[in-house]
Amino acid sequence: MNKILNIGLLSTCSIPGDVQGNLKQIEYFAEKAKANKCDVLLTPELSVTGYGGYEEVLRCSEIAGRGSIYRELSKISRKNQMILLAGFVEEEDFGKYLAHYIIYPDGRYAVQRKHRITPLEYPLSSSVSLYYDETEEIGHVPKGMEQFQYFYINNVKCVVIICADAGIRNLHTILDEANVKVVFLPVAAGGKREGKITNADLKTEEGIQKYYSLCNNEYFFPGQNILNCIHHNRCIAAVNMCGYDGKQLYHGGSGSIVTHFGEIAAHMSGIENIDRQKPMFVCAEVDFTEVLLK
């Protein structure tokens, strides 16, 4: 039984509201992923619509499986014979949700909604009613109310966990009970201009030291994911958006694939120099027929 996954990560430079431009990036790199024999390509949170609660993003919403975003992603998936995981705004009668498509080459699809919406994503709706305490301002998911769309790739059980949902309490226990072997983690963490540097900064010693400090922060490294993968016999594939959104956020563009052995099979360092930021792609093969014995 084939239980080998070739996973591709694409860090897009997505602009809010520029659906066609964002889709062109995905189409271009899907062809690269095909050339590398990828089974699946993961793109960041809200990769197609652009990230944030901007009006331009909200206007791009669609009913799942019935809009132009689905149709275009489905074409890309079919053409390249790979599963696409891409972020969009899902519209329903009762709200608009931060969501991620899971699209197969034959047109089948599923949608994972984000449970925990952050202030930058308002007025998008949380997928469940949250409760609040003093530990986090974005709220918590009541036990038993989690809504995950499990799916299979090459006989391996997978799930998409969107950004802040990685902080759902007892998440790994839930995934252990469901026997999930791969977590796809799309994120779109963005910072402010003062947290980045430029080519001009690299001409000064102060700028060089600032850049060195940025390169040594934990943002680039899988960190806790290594421990989670080993403890739970699970692979985690994560990717962040890259570039300036034209409004207020400067995304870093990092990503990694960590195997169930805790190996960093692929790594995409963030680009803190805003003059150098661009879409990035990496991939790695993960063999689930190999088991870590404890």
C-alpha atoms as a PDB file:
ATOM      1  CA  MET A   1       0.000   0.000   0.000  1.00  0.00           C
ATOM      2  CA  ASN A   2       1.433   3.368  -1.060  1.00  0.00           C
ATOM      3  CA  LYS A   3       1.854   5.604   1.973  1.00  0.00           C
ATOM      4  CA  ILE A   4       4.406   8.018   0.561  1.00  0.00           C
ATOM      5  CA  LEU A   5       3.513  11.697   0.178  1.00  0.00           C
ATOM      6  CA  ASN A   6       5.441  14.231  -1.846  1.00  0.00           C
ATOM      7  CA  ILE A   7       4.424  17.543  -0.280  1.00  0.00           C
ATOM      8  CA  GLY A   8       4.935  20.952  -1.882  1.00  0.00           C
ATOM      9  CA  LEU A   9       4.866  24.291  -0.056  1.00  0.00           C
ATOM     10  CA  LEU A  10       4.206  27.574  -1.841  1.00  0.00           C
ATOM     11  CA  SER A  11       4.669  30.901  -0.068  1.00  0.00           C
ATOM     12  CA  THR A  12       2.629  33.327  -2.161  1.00  0.00           C
ATOM     13  CA  CYS A  13       2.945  37.117  -2.238  1.00  0.00           C
ATOM     14  CA  SER A  14      -0.825  37.574  -2.219  1.00  0.00           C
ATOM     15  CA  ILE A  15      -2.373  41.030  -2.606  1.00  0.00           C
ATOM     16  CA  PRO A  16      -5.806  41.709  -1.021  1.00  0.00           C
ATOM     17  CA  GLY A  17      -8.476  41.584  -3.703  1.00  0.00           C
ATOM     18  CA  ASP A  18      -6.155  40.590  -6.574  1.00  0.00           C
ATOM     19  CA  VAL A  19      -7.667  37.164  -7.152  1.00  0.00           C
ATOM     20  CA  GLN A  20      -6.359  36.780 -10.694  1.00  0.00           C
ATOM     21  CA  GLY A  21      -2.820  37.774  -9.778  1.00  0.00           C
ATOM     22  CA  ASN A  22      -2.830  35.496  -6.759  1.00  0.00           C
ATOM     23  CA  LEU A  23      -4.187  32.583  -8.806  1.00  0.00           C
ATOM     24  CA  LYS A  24      -1.466  33.107 -11.429  1.00  0.00           C
ATOM     25  CA  GLN A  25       1.161  32.554  -8.743  1.00  0.00           C
ATOM     26  CA  ILE A  26      -0.517  29.304  -7.697  1.00  0.00           C
ATOM     27  CA  GLU A  27      -0.845  28.161 -11.318  1.00  0.00           C
ATOM     28  CA  TYR A  28       2.820  28.892 -12.067  1.00  0.00           C
ATOM     29  CA  PHE A  29       4.136  27.059  -9.013  1.00  0.00           C
ATOM     30  CA  ALA A  30       1.684  24.177  -9.403  1.00  0.00           C
ATOM     31  CA  GLU A  31       3.536  23.396 -12.625  1.00  0.00           C
ATOM     32  CA  LYS A  32       6.829  23.404 -10.703  1.00  0.00           C
ATOM     33  CA  ALA A  33       5.240  21.136  -8.109  1.00  0.00           C
ATOM     34  CA  LYS A  34       4.119  18.779 -10.872  1.00  0.00           C
ATOM     35  CA  ALA A  35       7.665  18.712 -12.266  1.00  0.00           C
ATOM     36  CA  ASN A  36       8.794  17.669  -8.782  1.00  0.00           C
ATOM     37  CA  LYS A  37       6.090  14.939  -8.673  1.00  0.00           C
ATOM     38  CA  CYS A  38       4.214  16.496  -5.765  1.00  0.00           C
ATOM     39  CA  ASP A  39       0.971  14.862  -4.651  1.00  0.00           C
ATOM     40  CA  VAL A  40      -0.255  17.997  -2.885  1.00  0.00           C
ATOM     41  CA  LEU A  41       0.548  21.720  -2.844  1.00  0.00           C
ATOM     42  CA  LEU A  42      -0.100  23.772   0.318  1.00  0.00           C
ATOM     43  CA  THR A  43      -0.531  27.546   0.023  1.00  0.00           C
ATOM     44  CA  PRO A  44      -0.962  30.101   2.844  1.00  0.00           C
ATOM     45  CA  GLU A  45      -4.033  31.260   4.713  1.00  0.00           C
ATOM     46  CA  LEU A  46      -6.263  33.338   2.359  1.00  0.00           C
ATOM     47  CA  SER A  47      -3.737  32.804  -0.436  1.00  0.00           C
ATOM     48  CA  VAL A  48      -6.246  33.413  -3.246  1.00  0.00           C
ATOM     49  CA  THR A  49      -8.116  36.426  -1.851  1.00  0.00           C
ATOM     50  CA  GLY A  50      -5.258  38.064   0.036  1.00  0.00           C
ATOM     51  CA  TYR A  51      -5.069  38.140   3.821  1.00  0.00           C
ATOM     52  CA  GLY A  52      -7.024  40.282   6.282  1.00  0.00           C
ATOM     53  CA  GLY A  53     -10.463  41.690   6.928  1.00  0.00           C
ATOM     54  CA  TYR A  54     -10.118  44.335   4.214  1.00  0.00           C
ATOM     55  CA  GLU A  55     -13.165  45.187   2.142  1.00  0.00           C
ATOM     56  CA  GLU A  56     -11.259  44.079  -0.967  1.00  0.00           C
ATOM     57  CA  VAL A  57     -10.870  40.617   0.571  1.00  0.00           C
ATOM     58  CA  LEU A  58     -14.494  40.362   1.699  1.00  0.00           C
ATOM     59  CA  ARG A  59     -15.718  41.200  -1.802  1.00  0.00           C
ATOM     60  CA  CYS A  60     -13.935  38.093  -3.123  1.00  0.00           C
ATOM     61  CA  SER A  61     -16.064  35.686  -1.065  1.00  0.00           C
ATOM     62  CA  GLU A  62     -17.875  32.812  -2.722  1.00  0.00           C
ATOM     63  CA  ILE A  63     -20.172  29.919  -1.904  1.00  0.00           C
ATOM     64  CA  ALA A  64     -17.984  26.838  -1.662  1.00  0.00           C
ATOM     65  CA  GLY A  65     -17.800  24.881  -4.913  1.00  0.00           C
ATOM     66  CA  ARG A  66     -19.895  27.399  -6.827  1.00  0.00           C
ATOM     67  CA  GLY A  67     -17.598  30.339  -7.506  1.00  0.00           C
ATOM     68  CA  SER A  68     -14.820  31.383  -9.870  1.00  0.00           C
ATOM     69  CA  ILE A  69     -12.087  30.675  -7.306  1.00  0.00           C
ATOM     70  CA  TYR A  70     -13.193  27.050  -7.042  1.00  0.00           C
ATOM     71  CA  ARG A  71     -13.427  26.706 -10.827  1.00  0.00           C
ATOM     72  CA  GLU A  72      -9.942  28.100 -11.419  1.00  0.00           C
ATOM     73  CA  LEU A  73      -8.340  26.052  -8.651  1.00  0.00           C
ATOM     74  CA  SER A  74     -10.099  22.955  -9.938  1.00  0.00           C
ATOM     75  CA  LYS A  75      -8.628  23.547 -13.410  1.00  0.00           C
ATOM     76  CA  ILE A  76      -5.141  23.934 -11.939  1.00  0.00           C
ATOM     77  CA  SER A  77      -5.597  20.795  -9.851  1.00  0.00           C
ATOM     78  CA  ARG A  78      -6.822  18.754 -12.819  1.00  0.00           C
ATOM     79  CA  LYS A  79      -4.135  20.037 -15.179  1.00  0.00           C
ATOM     80  CA  ASN A  80      -1.322  19.181 -12.779  1.00  0.00           C
ATOM     81  CA  GLN A  81      -2.933  16.071 -11.263  1.00  0.00           C
ATOM     82  CA  MET A  82      -2.351  17.133  -7.677  1.00  0.00           C
ATOM     83  CA  ILE A  83      -4.395  18.136  -4.658  1.00  0.00           C
ATOM     84  CA  LEU A  84      -4.504  21.888  -4.027  1.00  0.00           C
ATOM     85  CA  LEU A  85      -4.878  23.430  -0.571  1.00  0.00           C
ATOM     86  CA  ALA A  86      -5.681  27.120  -0.981  1.00  0.00           C
ATOM     87  CA  GLY A  87      -7.179  29.853   1.195  1.00  0.00           C
ATOM     88  CA  PHE A  88     -10.311  31.865   0.383  1.00  0.00           C
ATOM     89  CA  VAL A  89     -13.332  33.554   1.987  1.00  0.00           C
ATOM     90  CA  GLU A  90     -16.321  31.239   2.140  1.00  0.00           C
ATOM     91  CA  GLU A  91     -19.747  32.855   2.001  1.00  0.00           C
ATOM     92  CA  GLU A  92     -22.907  31.441   3.538  1.00  0.00           C
ATOM     93  CA  ASP A  93     -26.263  32.922   4.517  1.00  0.00           C
ATOM     94  CA  PHE A  94     -25.114  33.636   8.051  1.00  0.00           C
ATOM     95  CA  GLY A  95     -21.670  35.061   7.441  1.00  0.00           C
ATOM     96  CA  LYS A  96     -18.315  35.036   5.728  1.00  0.00           C
ATOM     97  CA  TYR A  97     -15.636  32.654   6.948  1.00  0.00           C
ATOM     98  CA  LEU A  98     -11.880  32.382   6.661  1.00  0.00           C
ATOM     99  CA  ALA A  99     -11.547  29.017   4.931  1.00  0.00           C
ATOM    100  CA  HIS A 100      -9.258  26.700   3.011  1.00  0.00           C
ATOM    101  CA  TYR A 101     -10.155  24.632  -0.057  1.00  0.00           C
ATOM    102  CA  ILE A 102      -9.048  21.005  -0.383  1.00  0.00           C
ATOM    103  CA  ILE A 103      -9.467  20.305  -4.107  1.00  0.00           C
ATOM    104  CA  TYR A 104      -8.823  16.988  -5.871  1.00  0.00           C
ATOM    105  CA  PRO A 105      -8.005  16.627  -9.598  1.00  0.00           C
ATOM    106  CA  ASP A 106     -11.405  15.021 -10.251  1.00  0.00           C
ATOM    107  CA  GLY A 107     -13.226  18.104  -8.909  1.00  0.00           C
ATOM    108  CA  ARG A 108     -14.079  16.734  -5.475  1.00  0.00           C
ATOM    109  CA  TYR A 109     -13.513  19.248  -2.728  1.00  0.00           C
ATOM    110  CA  ALA A 110     -13.826  19.887   0.989  1.00  0.00           C
ATOM    111  CA  VAL A 111     -13.578  23.088   3.002  1.00  0.00           C
ATOM    112  CA  GLN A 112     -11.923  23.700   6.353  1.00  0.00           C
ATOM    113  CA  ARG A 113     -13.091  26.806   8.200  1.00  0.00           C
ATOM    114  CA  LYS A 114     -11.019  28.642  10.772  1.00  0.00           C
ATOM    115  CA  HIS A 115     -12.348  28.405  14.321  1.00  0.00           C
ATOM    116  CA  ARG A 116     -10.459  31.278  15.974  1.00  0.00           C
ATOM    117  CA  ILE A 117     -10.527  34.621  14.170  1.00  0.00           C
ATOM    118  CA  THR A 118      -7.896  37.239  15.094  1.00  0.00           C
ATOM    119  CA  PRO A 119      -8.420  41.038  15.243  1.00  0.00           C
ATOM    120  CA  LEU A 120      -6.713  41.496  11.854  1.00  0.00           C
ATOM    121  CA  GLU A 121      -9.319  39.161  10.296  1.00  0.00           C
ATOM    122  CA  TYR A 122     -12.439  40.858  11.670  1.00  0.00           C
ATOM    123  CA  PRO A 123     -15.278  41.032  10.484  1.00  0.00           C
ATOM    124  CA  LEU A 124     -14.826  37.465   9.202  1.00  0.00           C
ATOM    125  CA  SER A 125     -16.763  35.026  11.376  1.00  0.00           C
ATOM    126  CA  SER A 126     -15.483  32.263  13.626  1.00  0.00           C
ATOM    127  CA  SER A 127     -16.769  28.859  12.549  1.00  0.00           C
ATOM    128  CA  VAL A 128     -18.004  28.067  16.083  1.00  0.00           C
ATOM    129  CA  SER A 129     -19.135  30.035  19.141  1.00  0.00           C
ATOM    130  CA  LEU A 130     -16.066  30.709  21.274  1.00  0.00           C
ATOM    131  CA  TYR A 131     -15.637  31.282  24.992  1.00  0.00           C
ATOM    132  CA  TYR A 132     -13.195  33.721  26.531  1.00  0.00           C
ATOM    133  CA  ASP A 133     -10.915  33.839  29.532  1.00  0.00           C
ATOM    134  CA  GLU A 134      -7.848  35.779  30.619  1.00  0.00           C
ATOM    135  CA  THR A 135      -5.386  33.609  28.667  1.00  0.00           C
ATOM    136  CA  GLU A 136      -6.082  34.765  25.084  1.00  0.00           C
ATOM    137  CA  GLU A 137      -8.069  37.585  23.551  1.00  0.00           C
ATOM    138  CA  ILE A 138      -9.144  35.605  20.477  1.00  0.00           C
ATOM    139  CA  GLY A 139     -11.101  33.039  22.478  1.00  0.00           C
ATOM    140  CA  HIS A 140     -11.247  29.271  22.812  1.00  0.00           C
ATOM    141  CA  VAL A 141     -13.208  26.469  21.168  1.00  0.00           C
ATOM    142  CA  PRO A 142     -15.544  24.639  23.596  1.00  0.00           C
ATOM    143  CA  LYS A 143     -14.554  21.005  24.048  1.00  0.00           C
ATOM    144  CA  GLY A 144     -16.297  18.776  21.529  1.00  0.00           C
ATOM    145  CA  MET A 145     -17.193  21.677  19.216  1.00  0.00           C
ATOM    146  CA  GLU A 146     -14.135  21.335  16.978  1.00  0.00           C
ATOM    147  CA  GLN A 147     -14.998  20.929  13.289  1.00  0.00           C
ATOM    148  CA  PHE A 148     -12.258  19.310  11.235  1.00  0.00           C
ATOM    149  CA  GLN A 149     -12.489  18.019   7.678  1.00  0.00           C
ATOM    150  CA  TYR A 150     -10.340  14.895   7.511  1.00  0.00           C
ATOM    151  CA  PHE A 151      -9.203  13.647   4.109  1.00  0.00           C
ATOM    152  CA  TYR A 152      -6.814  11.117   2.599  1.00  0.00           C
ATOM    153  CA  ILE A 153      -3.838  11.400   0.270  1.00  0.00           C
ATOM    154  CA  ASN A 154      -2.172   8.121  -0.756  1.00  0.00           C
ATOM    155  CA  ASN A 155      -3.887   6.282   2.102  1.00  0.00           C
ATOM    156  CA  VAL A 156      -2.576   8.774   4.673  1.00  0.00           C
ATOM    157  CA  LYS A 157      -5.095  10.623   6.869  1.00  0.00           C
ATOM    158  CA  CYS A 158      -4.678  14.414   6.773  1.00  0.00           C
ATOM    159  CA  VAL A 159      -6.207  17.593   8.133  1.00  0.00           C
ATOM    160  CA  VAL A 160      -5.877  21.345   7.545  1.00  0.00           C
ATOM    161  CA  ILE A 161      -5.402  23.416  10.708  1.00  0.00           C
ATOM    162  CA  ILE A 162      -5.515  27.139   9.908  1.00  0.00           C
ATOM    163  CA  CYS A 163      -3.018  29.355  11.741  1.00  0.00           C
ATOM    164  CA  ALA A 164      -4.397  30.292  15.204  1.00  0.00           C
ATOM    165  CA  ASP A 165      -6.358  27.025  15.327  1.00  0.00           C
ATOM    166  CA  ALA A 166      -3.037  25.374  16.157  1.00  0.00           C
ATOM    167  CA  GLY A 167      -3.704  26.821  19.617  1.00  0.00           C
ATOM    168  CA  ILE A 168      -6.953  24.917  20.122  1.00  0.00           C
ATOM    169  CA  ARG A 169      -6.781  23.269  23.525  1.00  0.00           C
ATOM    170  CA  ASN A 170      -6.036  19.526  23.445  1.00  0.00           C
ATOM    171  CA  LEU A 171      -5.624  19.710  19.669  1.00  0.00           C
ATOM    172  CA  HIS A 172      -3.027  16.950  19.472  1.00  0.00           C
ATOM    173  CA  THR A 173      -5.126  14.636  21.628  1.00  0.00           C
ATOM    174  CA  ILE A 174      -8.036  15.190  19.227  1.00  0.00           C
ATOM    175  CA  LEU A 175      -5.814  14.453  16.231  1.00  0.00           C
ATOM    176  CA  ASP A 176      -4.307  11.386  17.931  1.00  0.00           C
ATOM    177  CA  GLU A 177      -7.772   9.950  18.504  1.00  0.00           C
ATOM    178  CA  ALA A 178      -8.600  10.564  14.830  1.00  0.00           C
ATOM    179  CA  ASN A 179      -5.297   8.897  13.792  1.00  0.00           C
ATOM    180  CA  VAL A 180      -4.215  11.931  11.753  1.00  0.00           C
ATOM    181  CA  LYS A 181      -0.754  11.538  10.224  1.00  0.00           C
ATOM    182  CA  VAL A 182      -0.315  14.874   8.434  1.00  0.00           C
ATOM    183  CA  VAL A 183      -1.224  18.378   9.579  1.00  0.00           C
ATOM    184  CA  PHE A 184      -1.224  21.019   6.854  1.00  0.00           C
ATOM    185  CA  LEU A 185      -0.785  24.382   8.588  1.00  0.00           C
ATOM    186  CA  PRO A 186      -1.418  27.446   6.376  1.00  0.00           C
ATOM    187  CA  VAL A 187      -0.649  30.767   8.065  1.00  0.00           C
ATOM    188  CA  ALA A 188      -0.398  34.440   7.109  1.00  0.00           C
ATOM    189  CA  ALA A 189       1.419  36.036  10.009  1.00  0.00           C
ATOM    190  CA  GLY A 190       2.351  39.600   9.114  1.00  0.00           C
ATOM    191  CA  GLY A 191       4.401  42.271  10.842  1.00  0.00           C
ATOM    192  CA  LYS A 192       5.015  45.994  10.647  1.00  0.00           C
ATOM    193  CA  ARG A 193       7.447  47.904   8.442  1.00  0.00           C
ATOM    194  CA  GLU A 194       9.840  48.580  11.320  1.00  0.00           C
ATOM    195  CA  GLY A 195      10.281  44.819  11.685  1.00  0.00           C
ATOM    196  CA  LYS A 196      11.901  44.522   8.236  1.00  0.00           C
ATOM    197  CA  ILE A 197      14.996  45.806   6.459  1.00  0.00           C
ATOM    198  CA  THR A 198      15.910  46.921   2.926  1.00  0.00           C
ATOM    199  CA  ASN A 199      18.922  46.657   0.607  1.00  0.00           C
ATOM    200  CA  ALA A 200      19.941  50.129   1.797  1.00  0.00           C
ATOM    201  CA  ASP A 201      19.995  48.920   5.404  1.00  0.00           C
ATOM    202  CA  LEU A 202      22.580  46.293   4.459  1.00  0.00           C
ATOM    203  CA  LYS A 203      25.004  49.099   3.571  1.00  0.00           C
ATOM    204  CA  THR A 204      25.220  50.159   7.224  1.00  0.00           C
ATOM    205  CA  GLU A 205      26.574  48.250  10.203  1.00  0.00           C
ATOM    206  CA  GLU A 206      23.434  49.050  12.190  1.00  0.00           C
ATOM    207  CA  GLY A 207      21.272  47.638   9.412  1.00  0.00           C
ATOM    208  CA  ILE A 208      23.409  44.516   9.150  1.00  0.00           C
ATOM    209  CA  GLN A 209      23.097  43.879  12.870  1.00  0.00           C
ATOM    210  CA  LYS A 210      19.326  44.378  12.719  1.00  0.00           C
ATOM    211  CA  TYR A 211      19.145  41.886   9.869  1.00  0.00           C
ATOM    212  CA  TYR A 212      21.290  39.393  11.773  1.00  0.00           C
ATOM    213  CA  SER A 213      18.999  39.730  14.789  1.00  0.00           C
ATOM    214  CA  LEU A 214      15.913  39.150  12.627  1.00  0.00           C
ATOM    215  CA  CYS A 215      17.512  36.047  11.107  1.00  0.00           C
ATOM    216  CA  ASN A 216      18.109  34.610  14.557  1.00  0.00           C
ATOM    217  CA  ASN A 217      14.561  34.853  15.811  1.00  0.00           C
ATOM    218  CA  GLU A 218      12.354  31.777  16.247  1.00  0.00           C
ATOM    219  CA  TYR A 219      10.148  32.846  13.346  1.00  0.00           C
ATOM    220  CA  PHE A 220      12.254  30.919  10.850  1.00  0.00           C
ATOM    221  CA  PHE A 221      12.573  27.627  12.689  1.00  0.00           C
ATOM    222  CA  PRO A 222      10.001  24.810  13.133  1.00  0.00           C
ATOM    223  CA  GLY A 223      10.802  24.683  16.867  1.00  0.00           C
ATOM    224  CA  GLN A 224       7.926  23.127  18.810  1.00  0.00           C
ATOM    225  CA  ASN A 225       6.707  21.358  15.666  1.00  0.00           C
ATOM    226  CA  ILE A 226       9.728  19.049  15.859  1.00  0.00           C
ATOM    227  CA  LEU A 227       8.686  17.876  19.324  1.00  0.00           C
ATOM    228  CA  ASN A 228       5.020  17.588  18.341  1.00  0.00           C
ATOM    229  CA  CYS A 229       5.910  15.450  15.332  1.00  0.00           C
ATOM    230  CA  ILE A 230       7.991  13.031  17.393  1.00  0.00           C
ATOM    231  CA  HIS A 231       5.582  12.823  20.337  1.00  0.00           C
ATOM    232  CA  HIS A 232       2.545  12.272  18.134  1.00  0.00           C
ATOM    233  CA  ASN A 233       4.089  10.325  15.226  1.00  0.00           C
ATOM    234  CA  ARG A 234       2.837  12.989  12.844  1.00  0.00           C
ATOM    235  CA  CYS A 235       4.119  15.147   9.979  1.00  0.00           C
ATOM    236  CA  ILE A 236       3.490  18.895  10.031  1.00  0.00           C
ATOM    237  CA  ALA A 237       3.731  20.956   6.828  1.00  0.00           C
ATOM    238  CA  ALA A 238       3.454  24.706   7.411  1.00  0.00           C
ATOM    239  CA  VAL A 239       3.767  27.745   5.157  1.00  0.00           C
ATOM    240  CA  ASN A 240       3.401  31.487   5.656  1.00  0.00           C
ATOM    241  CA  MET A 241       2.612  34.260   3.184  1.00  0.00           C
ATOM    242  CA  CYS A 242       5.406  36.515   1.899  1.00  0.00           C
ATOM    243  CA  GLY A 243       5.720  40.185   0.970  1.00  0.00           C
ATOM    244  CA  TYR A 244       4.028  43.535   1.580  1.00  0.00           C
ATOM    245  CA  ASP A 245       0.259  43.506   1.153  1.00  0.00           C
ATOM    246  CA  GLY A 246       0.160  47.095  -0.144  1.00  0.00           C
ATOM    247  CA  LYS A 247      -1.695  48.263   2.942  1.00  0.00           C
ATOM    248  CA  GLN A 248      -0.156  47.556   6.338  1.00  0.00           C
ATOM    249  CA  LEU A 249       1.237  44.039   6.702  1.00  0.00           C
ATOM    250  CA  TYR A 250       4.689  42.702   5.819  1.00  0.00           C
ATOM    251  CA  HIS A 251       4.602  38.904   5.681  1.00  0.00           C
ATOM    252  CA  GLY A 252       7.751  36.887   6.244  1.00  0.00           C
ATOM    253  CA  GLY A 253       7.417  33.870   3.967  1.00  0.00           C
ATOM    254  CA  SER A 254       8.727  31.003   6.084  1.00  0.00           C
ATOM    255  CA  GLY A 255       7.720  27.336   5.872  1.00  0.00           C
ATOM    256  CA  SER A 256       8.798  23.823   6.729  1.00  0.00           C
ATOM    257  CA  ILE A 257       7.982  20.152   6.385  1.00  0.00           C
ATOM    258  CA  VAL A 258       8.800  18.158   9.527  1.00  0.00           C
ATOM    259  CA  THR A 259       8.417  14.375   9.330  1.00  0.00           C
ATOM    260  CA  HIS A 260       7.012  12.025  11.956  1.00  0.00           C
ATOM    261  CA  PHE A 261      10.658  11.328  12.866  1.00  0.00           C
ATOM    262  CA  GLY A 262      11.176  15.018  13.665  1.00  0.00           C
ATOM    263  CA  GLU A 263      13.355  15.499  10.590  1.00  0.00           C
ATOM    264  CA  ILE A 264      13.220  18.883   8.841  1.00  0.00           C
ATOM    265  CA  ALA A 265      12.690  17.485   5.348  1.00  0.00           C
ATOM    266  CA  ALA A 266      12.230  20.910   3.754  1.00  0.00           C
ATOM    267  CA  HIS A 267      12.734  24.415   5.050  1.00  0.00           C
ATOM    268  CA  MET A 268      11.902  27.847   3.676  1.00  0.00           C
ATOM    269  CA  SER A 269      13.562  30.698   5.544  1.00  0.00           C
ATOM    270  CA  GLY A 270      11.557  33.875   5.827  1.00  0.00           C
ATOM    271  CA  ILE A 271      12.765  36.894   3.842  1.00  0.00           C
ATOM    272  CA  GLU A 272      13.098  39.905   6.141  1.00  0.00           C
ATOM    273  CA  ASN A 273      14.481  42.147   3.374  1.00  0.00           C
ATOM    274  CA  ILE A 274      11.426  43.699   1.716  1.00  0.00           C
ATOM    275  CA  ASP A 275      13.437  44.458  -1.440  1.00  0.00           C
ATOM    276  CA  ARG A 276      14.130  40.738  -1.858  1.00  0.00           C
ATOM    277  CA  GLN A 277      10.740  39.229  -1.075  1.00  0.00           C
ATOM    278  CA  LYS A 278       9.179  36.957  -3.684  1.00  0.00           C
ATOM    279  CA  PRO A 279       7.060  33.776  -3.904  1.00  0.00           C
ATOM    280  CA  MET A 280       8.969  30.653  -2.840  1.00  0.00           C
ATOM    281  CA  PHE A 281       8.536  26.905  -3.346  1.00  0.00           C
ATOM    282  CA  VAL A 282      10.031  23.839  -1.657  1.00  0.00           C
ATOM    283  CA  CYS A 283       9.015  20.190  -1.513  1.00  0.00           C
ATOM    284  CA  ALA A 284       9.901  16.935   0.228  1.00  0.00           C
ATOM    285  CA  GLU A 285       8.886  13.295   0.233  1.00  0.00           C
ATOM    286  CA  VAL A 286       7.608  11.759   3.469  1.00  0.00           C
ATOM    287  CA  ASP A 287       7.402   7.971   3.783  1.00  0.00           C
ATOM    288  CA  PHE A 288       4.727   6.799   6.221  1.00  0.00           C
ATOM    289  CA  THR A 289       5.554   3.141   5.737  1.00  0.00           C
ATOM    290  CA  GLU A 290       8.518   3.844   8.038  1.00  0.00           C
ATOM    291  CA  VAL A 291       7.476   3.839  11.690  1.00  0.00           C
ATOM    292  CA  LEU A 292       9.207   5.356  14.706  1.00  0.00           C
ATOM    293  CA  LEU A 293       9.193   2.622  17.344  1.00  0.00           C
ATOM    294  CA  LYS A 294       8.844   3.723  20.962  1.00  0.00           C
END
